[in-house]
Amino acid sequence: MTLLSCRLRWYAYETGRLLLRHWKALFLVLSVLLPAMMPVFEQTRILGAPVLATLSPQHGSIWRFAWLMLLEASAALWFLIQRNAIGGGALMAYFRSLPCQPLQLRRTNLVVLILADTPLLLPVLAAMLTLAVLPQRGMHFLYVLDVLLTAMGTQLFLLEGSWRRGPWLLLANLLLVTGLDANGALSLILLSTGALTGLWIILTPVDLSRPMRLPDCLRRSSIARGKSSRQLGSLRLPPLLRLSARILCDDYRSSSVARSLALLLLVIGAIVLMQIWRFDSRALPLTLIIEALMALISANAYRDLLQAHHHAAPYRLSLPLSPAALAQADSLVVVLAYLPFALAVASAVAIHRHVADALVSLCSVVLMAPLLAALRIPQVYAPRQSLILACLLTGAWTLLVWRILL
């Protein structure tokens, strides 16, 4: 209980207020989007739609597997955003030096994960309430249970770094998809086996004191690739740029991966929506909106960079570095990380539209880059109101670019 209480206190200290703000934002969005006169059952069905979408008979096995991977990627993204708070941070460096049992650590990780995943459990609960009044709910309940177990297994996989469980997670997903495609007793057997596999992944701890070793050939090649990439990076990047890039890639790797996944999901969603619209005249306004959203997400990297610079301030102030040069390096690194995703959306429009619209889409990327550099200002001078100021600045800038280009 001491370990659990310390972990819960650490989580509340690190991101408890953030979780409360997420709940407030979730209830605000639901209150705005859900119609007031809609029956409660219909509102529940809408909330559970992301989980229940796979049960539609019009989708094939490939689509269902891709959708399950997307759901698990969303759960992984939610975990990576707050990995330090969930994992215990510096607190676990002390507890790992104590004789703690792996089963005790696994139980503690599960409790903290369930607490952190409370906003994600709302669609699962809504899906179960929706299925409670439908026929053949036994099979469907097993499906929802499988989705919940595999999503939590993915988060534990990322939290503990237990690569031995990767093949078992893939097996659980394959059993889930094949169970949905099968009929009768075979479907029940496959879904039950998938649920038992997910339950085994969650409840059985992994002995992390014996890390899994790669084969010698793969280990040597990976070490060689790592050395060559570091040497190339040191040759190509100036020192300040390399410093900012190392902060994001090494010290705040989880946050950087989470931002990259969010940007990738935005790119995929925008391209899919444009294909549904057959790249008509709505593609260019959507490109501007997506680029603005990507700028807001990418601007969160400034918080990590400023925090790292603050921690290293005693050493940094002893060096002949001007604050302007450091700010320029941070802005350039963030803009360079943003450009590939923005160019992906603009290139999709440029390929399917005529030359004038292609030039407009590419010019929008160029005009959005200064916005990303300007979003550093609220993080520096008004960190408490940075989100509101960044949204206002992004909205005004997007409207200005809209008037110029469209």
Foldseek 3Di string as FASTA:
>chain_A
DVVLVLLVVLLCVPCVVVLVVVVVVVVVVLVVPPDPPDDPLVSLCVLLCLLCVLLDPVDALVVSLVSLVVLLVVLLLLCLQCLCSLLVHPNVVVVVVDPDDLLVVLVSSVVSSCVSCVVVCSSLVSQLVNLVPPPPSVLVNLLSLLSVLLSVLSSVCVNLVQCVCVVLSVQLSVLSSVLSVDDDPSSVVSSVVSNVSSVCSRNPGDDPVDHDDDPPVVVVVVVVVVVVVVVVVVVPDDPLLVVLVCLCCPVSVSLNVSLVSVLVVLLVVLLVVCVVVQLPPVLLVSLLVSLLVNLLSLLVSLLSVVVVCVVCVVVVVVDPDDPVVNLVSNLVNSLVVSLVSSVSSLVSSLVRDDPLSSVLSVVSSVLCSVLSSVLSVCCPPPVPCSSVVNVVSSVVSSVVSVVVRD
